Amino acid sequence: MLMAGLLHLLGFALLALSQPHHRARVYGENSTVALAVSTQCAIGFIAIGMTLPACVLSQGASFGTLLWVMEMAAAAMAVAFTLTWRPHWLRGLGHCADRLGQRTS
């Protein structure tokens, strides 16, 4: 379930970094977009969506779905708090996503 939580964090962080306001807050003036925003959103949604089957397979349908929703809410709050207080912590995530997008292209 740790992997599901990390995938939720990755997904929400990528979705947040696909917005120009958050990208400028994290990267400052040199906020070049190497990865297309649509690709970054797609990777974020896929990362979030991949966790539902993992939670359901490991915990059953009823508790797995509840766990998925609760982990999703916790990850969204964690990304929001990170963007508020320490936005520079998300810099590495954007670079990793850019490299991942360049390898698949």
PDB file of N, CA and C in Angstrom:
ATOM      1  N   MET A   1       0.815  -1.183   0.000  1.00  0.00           N
ATOM      2  CA  MET A   1       0.000   0.000   0.000  1.00  0.00           C
ATOM      3  C   MET A   1       0.869   1.262   0.000  1.00  0.00           C
ATOM      4  N   LEU A   2       2.116   1.099   0.372  1.00  0.00           N
ATOM      5  CA  LEU A   2       3.045   2.217   0.305  1.00  0.00           C
ATOM      6  C   LEU A   2       3.237   2.652  -1.149  1.00  0.00           C
ATOM      7  N   MET A   3       3.315   1.692  -2.041  1.00  0.00           N
ATOM      8  CA  MET A   3       3.467   2.017  -3.461  1.00  0.00           C
ATOM      9  C   MET A   3       2.242   2.759  -3.982  1.00  0.00           C
ATOM     10  N   ALA A   4       1.063   2.383  -3.530  1.00  0.00           N
ATOM     11  CA  ALA A   4      -0.154   3.086  -3.954  1.00  0.00           C
ATOM     12  C   ALA A   4      -0.123   4.530  -3.466  1.00  0.00           C
ATOM     13  N   GLY A   5       0.329   4.745  -2.254  1.00  0.00           N
ATOM     14  CA  GLY A   5       0.433   6.109  -1.733  1.00  0.00           C
ATOM     15  C   GLY A   5       1.437   6.938  -2.507  1.00  0.00           C
ATOM     16  N   LEU A   6       2.564   6.332  -2.854  1.00  0.00           N
ATOM     17  CA  LEU A   6       3.575   7.046  -3.637  1.00  0.00           C
ATOM     18  C   LEU A   6       3.084   7.364  -5.045  1.00  0.00           C
ATOM     19  N   LEU A   7       2.325   6.439  -5.641  1.00  0.00           N
ATOM     20  CA  LEU A   7       1.774   6.708  -6.964  1.00  0.00           C
ATOM     21  C   LEU A   7       0.730   7.819  -6.912  1.00  0.00           C
ATOM     22  N   HIS A   8      -0.052   7.848  -5.833  1.00  0.00           N
ATOM     23  CA  HIS A   8      -1.002   8.954  -5.664  1.00  0.00           C
ATOM     24  C   HIS A   8      -0.258  10.290  -5.565  1.00  0.00           C
ATOM     25  N   LEU A   9       0.786  10.321  -4.763  1.00  0.00           N
ATOM     26  CA  LEU A   9       1.574  11.559  -4.636  1.00  0.00           C
ATOM     27  C   LEU A   9       2.158  11.976  -5.982  1.00  0.00           C
ATOM     28  N   LEU A  10       2.716  11.025  -6.704  1.00  0.00           N
ATOM     29  CA  LEU A  10       3.279  11.314  -8.019  1.00  0.00           C
ATOM     30  C   LEU A  10       2.216  11.856  -8.961  1.00  0.00           C
ATOM     31  N   GLY A  11       1.072  11.208  -8.985  1.00  0.00           N
ATOM     32  CA  GLY A  11      -0.001  11.634  -9.882  1.00  0.00           C
ATOM     33  C   GLY A  11      -0.488  13.035  -9.586  1.00  0.00           C
ATOM     34  N   PHE A  12      -0.750  13.324  -8.315  1.00  0.00           N
ATOM     35  CA  PHE A  12      -1.242  14.658  -7.972  1.00  0.00           C
ATOM     36  C   PHE A  12      -0.173  15.724  -8.156  1.00  0.00           C
ATOM     37  N   ALA A  13       1.064  15.383  -7.903  1.00  0.00           N
ATOM     38  CA  ALA A  13       2.139  16.357  -8.124  1.00  0.00           C
ATOM     39  C   ALA A  13       2.286  16.663  -9.612  1.00  0.00           C
ATOM     40  N   LEU A  14       2.188  15.660 -10.455  1.00  0.00           N
ATOM     41  CA  LEU A  14       2.276  15.900 -11.892  1.00  0.00           C
ATOM     42  C   LEU A  14       1.093  16.719 -12.394  1.00  0.00           C
ATOM     43  N   LEU A  15      -0.090  16.440 -11.862  1.00  0.00           N
ATOM     44  CA  LEU A  15      -1.247  17.240 -12.251  1.00  0.00           C
ATOM     45  C   LEU A  15      -1.086  18.687 -11.809  1.00  0.00           C
ATOM     46  N   ALA A  16      -0.538  18.886 -10.613  1.00  0.00           N
ATOM     47  CA  ALA A  16      -0.322  20.251 -10.137  1.00  0.00           C
ATOM     48  C   ALA A  16       0.734  20.963 -10.967  1.00  0.00           C
ATOM     49  N   LEU A  17       1.805  20.259 -11.314  1.00  0.00           N
ATOM     50  CA  LEU A  17       2.876  20.885 -12.094  1.00  0.00           C
ATOM     51  C   LEU A  17       2.487  21.128 -13.553  1.00  0.00           C
ATOM     52  N   SER A  18       1.380  20.555 -14.001  1.00  0.00           N
ATOM     53  CA  SER A  18       0.924  20.829 -15.361  1.00  0.00           C
ATOM     54  C   SER A  18       0.208  22.173 -15.455  1.00  0.00           C
ATOM     55  N   GLN A  19      -0.107  22.775 -14.315  1.00  0.00           N
ATOM     56  CA  GLN A  19      -0.739  24.095 -14.316  1.00  0.00           C
ATOM     57  C   GLN A  19       0.348  25.162 -14.283  1.00  0.00           C
ATOM     58  N   PRO A  20       0.196  26.202 -15.112  1.00  0.00           N
ATOM     59  CA  PRO A  20       1.261  27.219 -15.220  1.00  0.00           C
ATOM     60  C   PRO A  20       1.570  27.935 -13.904  1.00  0.00           C
ATOM     61  N   HIS A  21       0.550  28.192 -13.098  1.00  0.00           N
ATOM     62  CA  HIS A  21       0.776  28.907 -11.835  1.00  0.00           C
ATOM     63  C   HIS A  21       1.663  28.089 -10.894  1.00  0.00           C
ATOM     64  N   HIS A  22       1.360  26.816 -10.766  1.00  0.00           N
ATOM     65  CA  HIS A  22       2.151  25.969  -9.865  1.00  0.00           C
ATOM     66  C   HIS A  22       3.536  25.720 -10.425  1.00  0.00           C
ATOM     67  N   ARG A  23       3.646  25.558 -11.744  1.00  0.00           N
ATOM     68  CA  ARG A  23       4.950  25.343 -12.357  1.00  0.00           C
ATOM     69  C   ARG A  23       5.854  26.551 -12.136  1.00  0.00           C
ATOM     70  N   ALA A  24       5.286  27.761 -12.253  1.00  0.00           N
ATOM     71  CA  ALA A  24       6.068  28.968 -12.017  1.00  0.00           C
ATOM     72  C   ALA A  24       6.464  29.081 -10.553  1.00  0.00           C
ATOM     73  N   ARG A  25       5.601  28.634  -9.649  1.00  0.00           N
ATOM     74  CA  ARG A  25       5.918  28.700  -8.222  1.00  0.00           C
ATOM     75  C   ARG A  25       7.048  27.734  -7.861  1.00  0.00           C
ATOM     76  N   VAL A  26       7.068  26.579  -8.509  1.00  0.00           N
ATOM     77  CA  VAL A  26       8.091  25.579  -8.203  1.00  0.00           C
ATOM     78  C   VAL A  26       9.414  25.922  -8.875  1.00  0.00           C
ATOM     79  N   TYR A  27       9.390  26.316 -10.139  1.00  0.00           N
ATOM     80  CA  TYR A  27      10.618  26.513 -10.899  1.00  0.00           C
ATOM     81  C   TYR A  27      11.050  27.960 -11.018  1.00  0.00           C
ATOM     82  N   GLY A  28      10.206  28.902 -10.652  1.00  0.00           N
ATOM     83  CA  GLY A  28      10.572  30.307 -10.740  1.00  0.00           C
ATOM     84  C   GLY A  28      10.535  30.796 -12.175  1.00  0.00           C
ATOM     85  N   GLU A  29      11.477  31.656 -12.527  1.00  0.00           N
ATOM     86  CA  GLU A  29      11.501  32.277 -13.853  1.00  0.00           C
ATOM     87  C   GLU A  29      11.887  31.291 -14.955  1.00  0.00           C
ATOM     88  N   ASN A  30      12.702  30.308 -14.649  1.00  0.00           N
ATOM     89  CA  ASN A  30      13.153  29.365 -15.676  1.00  0.00           C
ATOM     90  C   ASN A  30      12.247  28.133 -15.703  1.00  0.00           C
ATOM     91  N   SER A  31      10.962  28.354 -15.888  1.00  0.00           N
ATOM     92  CA  SER A  31      10.002  27.255 -15.886  1.00  0.00           C
ATOM     93  C   SER A  31       9.735  26.796 -17.311  1.00  0.00           C
ATOM     94  N   THR A  32      10.748  26.244 -17.944  1.00  0.00           N
ATOM     95  CA  THR A  32      10.585  25.734 -19.298  1.00  0.00           C
ATOM     96  C   THR A  32       9.798  24.430 -19.247  1.00  0.00           C
ATOM     97  N   VAL A  33       8.982  24.239 -20.231  1.00  0.00           N
ATOM     98  CA  VAL A  33       8.151  23.044 -20.286  1.00  0.00           C
ATOM     99  C   VAL A  33       8.743  22.108 -21.322  1.00  0.00           C
ATOM    100  N   ALA A  34       9.461  21.107 -20.847  1.00  0.00           N
ATOM    101  CA  ALA A  34      10.049  20.132 -21.769  1.00  0.00           C
ATOM    102  C   ALA A  34       9.030  19.052 -22.123  1.00  0.00           C
ATOM    103  N   LEU A  35       8.195  18.714 -21.179  1.00  0.00           N
ATOM    104  CA  LEU A  35       7.191  17.684 -21.386  1.00  0.00           C
ATOM    105  C   LEU A  35       5.870  18.373 -21.682  1.00  0.00           C
ATOM    106  N   ALA A  36       5.167  17.918 -22.677  1.00  0.00           N
ATOM    107  CA  ALA A  36       3.883  18.512 -23.031  1.00  0.00           C
ATOM    108  C   ALA A  36       2.917  18.385 -21.860  1.00  0.00           C
ATOM    109  N   VAL A  37       2.099  19.412 -21.676  1.00  0.00           N
ATOM    110  CA  VAL A  37       1.178  19.435 -20.547  1.00  0.00           C
ATOM    111  C   VAL A  37       0.187  18.283 -20.647  1.00  0.00           C
ATOM    112  N   SER A  38      -0.271  17.975 -21.843  1.00  0.00           N
ATOM    113  CA  SER A  38      -1.221  16.867 -21.986  1.00  0.00           C
ATOM    114  C   SER A  38      -0.576  15.531 -21.619  1.00  0.00           C
ATOM    115  N   THR A  39       0.693  15.363 -21.958  1.00  0.00           N
ATOM    116  CA  THR A  39       1.402  14.132 -21.588  1.00  0.00           C
ATOM    117  C   THR A  39       1.597  14.055 -20.085  1.00  0.00           C
ATOM    118  N   GLN A  40       1.921  15.187 -19.474  1.00  0.00           N
ATOM    119  CA  GLN A  40       2.107  15.214 -18.028  1.00  0.00           C
ATOM    120  C   GLN A  40       0.794  14.905 -17.307  1.00  0.00           C
ATOM    121  N   CYS A  41      -0.314  15.458 -17.797  1.00  0.00           N
ATOM    122  CA  CYS A  41      -1.619  15.151 -17.211  1.00  0.00           C
ATOM    123  C   CYS A  41      -1.956  13.671 -17.380  1.00  0.00           C
ATOM    124  N   ALA A  42      -1.665  13.135 -18.551  1.00  0.00           N
ATOM    125  CA  ALA A  42      -1.960  11.721 -18.803  1.00  0.00           C
ATOM    126  C   ALA A  42      -1.161  10.822 -17.864  1.00  0.00           C
ATOM    127  N   ILE A  43       0.111  11.126 -17.664  1.00  0.00           N
ATOM    128  CA  ILE A  43       0.932  10.327 -16.746  1.00  0.00           C
ATOM    129  C   ILE A  43       0.385  10.445 -15.329  1.00  0.00           C
ATOM    130  N   GLY A  44      -0.044  11.642 -14.933  1.00  0.00           N
ATOM    131  CA  GLY A  44      -0.613  11.837 -13.604  1.00  0.00           C
ATOM    132  C   GLY A  44      -1.887  11.034 -13.403  1.00  0.00           C
ATOM    133  N   PHE A  45      -2.796  11.090 -14.378  1.00  0.00           N
ATOM    134  CA  PHE A  45      -4.050  10.338 -14.258  1.00  0.00           C
ATOM    135  C   PHE A  45      -3.805   8.833 -14.288  1.00  0.00           C
ATOM    136  N   ILE A  46      -2.857   8.391 -15.095  1.00  0.00           N
ATOM    137  CA  ILE A  46      -2.539   6.959 -15.140  1.00  0.00           C
ATOM    138  C   ILE A  46      -1.957   6.499 -13.808  1.00  0.00           C
ATOM    139  N   ALA A  47      -1.078   7.312 -13.217  1.00  0.00           N
ATOM    140  CA  ALA A  47      -0.495   6.948 -11.915  1.00  0.00           C
ATOM    141  C   ALA A  47      -1.571   6.842 -10.842  1.00  0.00           C
ATOM    142  N   ILE A  48      -2.540   7.764 -10.869  1.00  0.00           N
ATOM    143  CA  ILE A  48      -3.632   7.699  -9.884  1.00  0.00           C
ATOM    144  C   ILE A  48      -4.535   6.504 -10.174  1.00  0.00           C
ATOM    145  N   GLY A  49      -4.839   6.281 -11.441  1.00  0.00           N
ATOM    146  CA  GLY A  49      -5.731   5.192 -11.806  1.00  0.00           C
ATOM    147  C   GLY A  49      -5.152   3.807 -11.584  1.00  0.00           C
ATOM    148  N   MET A  50      -3.833   3.667 -11.668  1.00  0.00           N
ATOM    149  CA  MET A  50      -3.203   2.361 -11.469  1.00  0.00           C
ATOM    150  C   MET A  50      -3.331   1.868 -10.029  1.00  0.00           C
ATOM    151  N   THR A  51      -3.558   2.776  -9.113  1.00  0.00           N
ATOM    152  CA  THR A  51      -3.608   2.366  -7.714  1.00  0.00           C
ATOM    153  C   THR A  51      -4.919   1.698  -7.338  1.00  0.00           C
ATOM    154  N   LEU A  52      -6.015   1.997  -8.052  1.00  0.00           N
ATOM    155  CA  LEU A  52      -7.300   1.376  -7.707  1.00  0.00           C
ATOM    156  C   LEU A  52      -7.256  -0.143  -7.838  1.00  0.00           C
ATOM    157  N   PRO A  53      -6.801  -0.704  -8.948  1.00  0.00           N
ATOM    158  CA  PRO A  53      -6.734  -2.169  -9.011  1.00  0.00           C
ATOM    159  C   PRO A  53      -5.795  -2.770  -7.954  1.00  0.00           C
ATOM    160  N   ALA A  54      -4.714  -2.080  -7.650  1.00  0.00           N
ATOM    161  CA  ALA A  54      -3.790  -2.597  -6.634  1.00  0.00           C
ATOM    162  C   ALA A  54      -4.452  -2.637  -5.264  1.00  0.00           C
ATOM    163  N   CYS A  55      -5.180  -1.582  -4.917  1.00  0.00           N
ATOM    164  CA  CYS A  55      -5.868  -1.557  -3.620  1.00  0.00           C
ATOM    165  C   CYS A  55      -6.970  -2.605  -3.555  1.00  0.00           C
ATOM    166  N   VAL A  56      -7.724  -2.758  -4.649  1.00  0.00           N
ATOM    167  CA  VAL A  56      -8.818  -3.732  -4.664  1.00  0.00           C
ATOM    168  C   VAL A  56      -8.269  -5.154  -4.603  1.00  0.00           C
ATOM    169  N   LEU A  57      -7.186  -5.426  -5.317  1.00  0.00           N
ATOM    170  CA  LEU A  57      -6.614  -6.777  -5.298  1.00  0.00           C
ATOM    171  C   LEU A  57      -6.015  -7.128  -3.945  1.00  0.00           C
ATOM    172  N   SER A  58      -5.432  -6.147  -3.274  1.00  0.00           N
ATOM    173  CA  SER A  58      -4.775  -6.474  -2.009  1.00  0.00           C
ATOM    174  C   SER A  58      -5.721  -6.463  -0.816  1.00  0.00           C
ATOM    175  N   GLN A  59      -6.786  -5.649  -0.859  1.00  0.00           N
ATOM    176  CA  GLN A  59      -7.649  -5.508   0.319  1.00  0.00           C
ATOM    177  C   GLN A  59      -9.091  -5.923   0.089  1.00  0.00           C
ATOM    178  N   GLY A  60      -9.456  -6.329  -1.099  1.00  0.00           N
ATOM    179  CA  GLY A  60     -10.846  -6.658  -1.394  1.00  0.00           C
ATOM    180  C   GLY A  60     -11.564  -5.433  -1.954  1.00  0.00           C
ATOM    181  N   ALA A  61     -12.760  -5.690  -2.511  1.00  0.00           N
ATOM    182  CA  ALA A  61     -13.462  -4.620  -3.215  1.00  0.00           C
ATOM    183  C   ALA A  61     -13.942  -3.514  -2.282  1.00  0.00           C
ATOM    184  N   SER A  62     -14.526  -3.870  -1.155  1.00  0.00           N
ATOM    185  CA  SER A  62     -15.124  -2.830  -0.306  1.00  0.00           C
ATOM    186  C   SER A  62     -14.060  -1.997   0.405  1.00  0.00           C
ATOM    187  N   PHE A  63     -13.135  -2.634   1.109  1.00  0.00           N
ATOM    188  CA  PHE A  63     -12.127  -1.876   1.834  1.00  0.00           C
ATOM    189  C   PHE A  63     -11.074  -1.312   0.895  1.00  0.00           C
ATOM    190  N   GLY A  64     -10.790  -1.996  -0.196  1.00  0.00           N
ATOM    191  CA  GLY A  64      -9.811  -1.500  -1.158  1.00  0.00           C
ATOM    192  C   GLY A  64     -10.252  -0.194  -1.796  1.00  0.00           C
ATOM    193  N   THR A  65     -11.535  -0.099  -2.125  1.00  0.00           N
ATOM    194  CA  THR A  65     -12.052   1.143  -2.700  1.00  0.00           C
ATOM    195  C   THR A  65     -12.006   2.266  -1.682  1.00  0.00           C
ATOM    196  N   LEU A  66     -12.386   1.962  -0.439  1.00  0.00           N
ATOM    197  CA  LEU A  66     -12.323   2.973   0.618  1.00  0.00           C
ATOM    198  C   LEU A  66     -10.883   3.422   0.851  1.00  0.00           C
ATOM    199  N   LEU A  67      -9.969   2.486   0.887  1.00  0.00           N
ATOM    200  CA  LEU A  67      -8.559   2.813   1.064  1.00  0.00           C
ATOM    201  C   LEU A  67      -8.044   3.685  -0.076  1.00  0.00           C
ATOM    202  N   TRP A  68      -8.477   3.382  -1.303  1.00  0.00           N
ATOM    203  CA  TRP A  68      -8.062   4.153  -2.472  1.00  0.00           C
ATOM    204  C   TRP A  68      -8.526   5.604  -2.355  1.00  0.00           C
ATOM    205  N   VAL A  69      -9.777   5.790  -1.957  1.00  0.00           N
ATOM    206  CA  VAL A  69     -10.313   7.156  -1.826  1.00  0.00           C
ATOM    207  C   VAL A  69      -9.595   7.908  -0.711  1.00  0.00           C
ATOM    208  N   MET A  70      -9.348   7.250   0.411  1.00  0.00           N
ATOM    209  CA  MET A  70      -8.683   7.913   1.535  1.00  0.00           C
ATOM    210  C   MET A  70      -7.227   8.252   1.199  1.00  0.00           C
ATOM    211  N   GLU A  71      -6.524   7.354   0.535  1.00  0.00           N
ATOM    212  CA  GLU A  71      -5.151   7.643   0.122  1.00  0.00           C
ATOM    213  C   GLU A  71      -5.110   8.773  -0.899  1.00  0.00           C
ATOM    214  N   MET A  72      -6.133   8.809  -1.760  1.00  0.00           N
ATOM    215  CA  MET A  72      -6.186   9.866  -2.759  1.00  0.00           C
ATOM    216  C   MET A  72      -6.377  11.227  -2.083  1.00  0.00           C
ATOM    217  N   ALA A  73      -7.246  11.291  -1.091  1.00  0.00           N
ATOM    218  CA  ALA A  73      -7.467  12.550  -0.373  1.00  0.00           C
ATOM    219  C   ALA A  73      -6.212  12.971   0.388  1.00  0.00           C
ATOM    220  N   ALA A  74      -5.554  12.023   1.024  1.00  0.00           N
ATOM    221  CA  ALA A  74      -4.333  12.339   1.773  1.00  0.00           C
ATOM    222  C   ALA A  74      -3.221  12.825   0.841  1.00  0.00           C
ATOM    223  N   ALA A  75      -3.086  12.204  -0.313  1.00  0.00           N
ATOM    224  CA  ALA A  75      -2.046  12.613  -1.260  1.00  0.00           C
ATOM    225  C   ALA A  75      -2.340  14.001  -1.831  1.00  0.00           C
ATOM    226  N   ALA A  76      -3.600  14.289  -2.120  1.00  0.00           N
ATOM    227  CA  ALA A  76      -3.958  15.606  -2.635  1.00  0.00           C
ATOM    228  C   ALA A  76      -3.656  16.683  -1.597  1.00  0.00           C
ATOM    229  N   MET A  77      -3.958  16.405  -0.341  1.00  0.00           N
ATOM    230  CA  MET A  77      -3.642  17.369   0.719  1.00  0.00           C
ATOM    231  C   MET A  77      -2.136  17.534   0.878  1.00  0.00           C
ATOM    232  N   ALA A  78      -1.398  16.443   0.786  1.00  0.00           N
ATOM    233  CA  ALA A  78       0.056  16.519   0.930  1.00  0.00           C
ATOM    234  C   ALA A  78       0.670  17.366  -0.184  1.00  0.00           C
ATOM    235  N   VAL A  79       0.193  17.200  -1.404  1.00  0.00           N
ATOM    236  CA  VAL A  79       0.706  18.005  -2.515  1.00  0.00           C
ATOM    237  C   VAL A  79       0.310  19.467  -2.332  1.00  0.00           C
ATOM    238  N   ALA A  80      -0.906  19.713  -1.879  1.00  0.00           N
ATOM    239  CA  ALA A  80      -1.339  21.098  -1.652  1.00  0.00           C
ATOM    240  C   ALA A  80      -0.490  21.768  -0.573  1.00  0.00           C
ATOM    241  N   PHE A  81      -0.230  21.050   0.521  1.00  0.00           N
ATOM    242  CA  PHE A  81       0.610  21.612   1.586  1.00  0.00           C
ATOM    243  C   PHE A  81       2.045  21.831   1.106  1.00  0.00           C
ATOM    244  N   THR A  82       2.549  20.909   0.297  1.00  0.00           N
ATOM    245  CA  THR A  82       3.900  21.055  -0.232  1.00  0.00           C
ATOM    246  C   THR A  82       3.991  22.273  -1.150  1.00  0.00           C
ATOM    247  N   LEU A  83       2.979  22.471  -1.987  1.00  0.00           N
ATOM    248  CA  LEU A  83       2.975  23.645  -2.859  1.00  0.00           C
ATOM    249  C   LEU A  83       2.872  24.935  -2.059  1.00  0.00           C
ATOM    250  N   THR A  84       2.250  24.872  -0.900  1.00  0.00           N
ATOM    251  CA  THR A  84       2.087  26.073  -0.081  1.00  0.00           C
ATOM    252  C   THR A  84       3.365  26.424   0.656  1.00  0.00           C
ATOM    253  N   TRP A  85       3.978  25.446   1.313  1.00  0.00           N
ATOM    254  CA  TRP A  85       5.109  25.741   2.200  1.00  0.00           C
ATOM    255  C   TRP A  85       6.479  25.465   1.596  1.00  0.00           C
ATOM    256  N   ARG A  86       6.637  24.409   0.865  1.00  0.00           N
ATOM    257  CA  ARG A  86       7.947  24.033   0.310  1.00  0.00           C
ATOM    258  C   ARG A  86       7.813  23.641  -1.165  1.00  0.00           C
ATOM    259  N   PRO A  87       7.474  24.567  -2.048  1.00  0.00           N
ATOM    260  CA  PRO A  87       7.267  24.183  -3.446  1.00  0.00           C
ATOM    261  C   PRO A  87       8.527  23.647  -4.125  1.00  0.00           C
ATOM    262  N   HIS A  88       9.697  24.049  -3.651  1.00  0.00           N
ATOM    263  CA  HIS A  88      10.933  23.578  -4.286  1.00  0.00           C
ATOM    264  C   HIS A  88      11.150  22.079  -4.091  1.00  0.00           C
ATOM    265  N   TRP A  89      10.441  21.462  -3.162  1.00  0.00           N
ATOM    266  CA  TRP A  89      10.559  20.016  -2.986  1.00  0.00           C
ATOM    267  C   TRP A  89      10.043  19.243  -4.208  1.00  0.00           C
ATOM    268  N   LEU A  90       9.216  19.867  -5.022  1.00  0.00           N
ATOM    269  CA  LEU A  90       8.642  19.186  -6.184  1.00  0.00           C
ATOM    270  C   LEU A  90       9.483  19.350  -7.446  1.00  0.00           C
ATOM    271  N   ARG A  91      10.616  20.052  -7.353  1.00  0.00           N
ATOM    272  CA  ARG A  91      11.458  20.270  -8.533  1.00  0.00           C
ATOM    273  C   ARG A  91      11.940  18.965  -9.148  1.00  0.00           C
ATOM    274  N   GLY A  92      12.398  18.069  -8.333  1.00  0.00           N
ATOM    275  CA  GLY A  92      12.912  16.796  -8.835  1.00  0.00           C
ATOM    276  C   GLY A  92      11.855  15.971  -9.537  1.00  0.00           C
ATOM    277  N   LEU A  93      10.615  16.083  -9.087  1.00  0.00           N
ATOM    278  CA  LEU A  93       9.535  15.333  -9.695  1.00  0.00           C
ATOM    279  C   LEU A  93       9.280  15.773 -11.125  1.00  0.00           C
ATOM    280  N   GLY A  94       9.323  17.058 -11.341  1.00  0.00           N
ATOM    281  CA  GLY A  94       9.130  17.565 -12.696  1.00  0.00           C
ATOM    282  C   GLY A  94      10.237  17.125 -13.625  1.00  0.00           C
ATOM    283  N   HIS A  95      11.475  17.116 -13.138  1.00  0.00           N
ATOM    284  CA  HIS A  95      12.603  16.673 -13.966  1.00  0.00           C
ATOM    285  C   HIS A  95      12.483  15.181 -14.275  1.00  0.00           C
ATOM    286  N   CYS A  96      12.066  14.398 -13.302  1.00  0.00           N
ATOM    287  CA  CYS A  96      11.875  12.961 -13.540  1.00  0.00           C
ATOM    288  C   CYS A  96      10.783  12.720 -14.569  1.00  0.00           C
ATOM    289  N   ALA A  97       9.687  13.480 -14.463  1.00  0.00           N
ATOM    290  CA  ALA A  97       8.602  13.329 -15.429  1.00  0.00           C
ATOM    291  C   ALA A  97       9.034  13.745 -16.822  1.00  0.00           C
ATOM    292  N   ASP A  98       9.848  14.796 -16.907  1.00  0.00           N
ATOM    293  CA  ASP A  98      10.365  15.230 -18.205  1.00  0.00           C
ATOM    294  C   ASP A  98      11.230  14.144 -18.833  1.00  0.00           C
ATOM    295  N   ARG A  99      12.093  13.525 -18.033  1.00  0.00           N
ATOM    296  CA  ARG A  99      12.945  12.442 -18.561  1.00  0.00           C
ATOM    297  C   ARG A  99      12.112  11.241 -18.977  1.00  0.00           C
ATOM    298  N   LEU A 100      11.073  10.918 -18.185  1.00  0.00           N
ATOM    299  CA  LEU A 100      10.204   9.796 -18.514  1.00  0.00           C
ATOM    300  C   LEU A 100       9.476  10.070 -19.827  1.00  0.00           C
ATOM    301  N   GLY A 101       9.004  11.284 -20.004  1.00  0.00           N
ATOM    302  CA  GLY A 101       8.307  11.645 -21.245  1.00  0.00           C
ATOM    303  C   GLY A 101       9.220  11.638 -22.445  1.00  0.00           C
ATOM    304  N   GLN A 102      10.477  11.992 -22.261  1.00  0.00           N
ATOM    305  CA  GLN A 102      11.415  12.006 -23.367  1.00  0.00           C
ATOM    306  C   GLN A 102      11.790  10.587 -23.779  1.00  0.00           C
ATOM    307  N   ARG A 103      11.796   9.661 -22.828  1.00  0.00           N
ATOM    308  CA  ARG A 103      12.132   8.267 -23.166  1.00  0.00           C
ATOM    309  C   ARG A 103      11.006   7.614 -23.931  1.00  0.00           C
ATOM    310  N   THR A 104       9.738   7.949 -23.587  1.00  0.00           N
ATOM    311  CA  THR A 104       8.625   7.309 -24.268  1.00  0.00           C
ATOM    312  C   THR A 104       8.343   7.933 -25.615  1.00  0.00           C
ATOM    313  N   SER A 105       8.867   9.133 -25.866  1.00  0.00           N
ATOM    314  CA  SER A 105       8.604   9.805 -27.157  1.00  0.00           C
ATOM    315  C   SER A 105       9.448   9.229 -28.267  1.00  0.00           C
TER     316      SER A 105
END
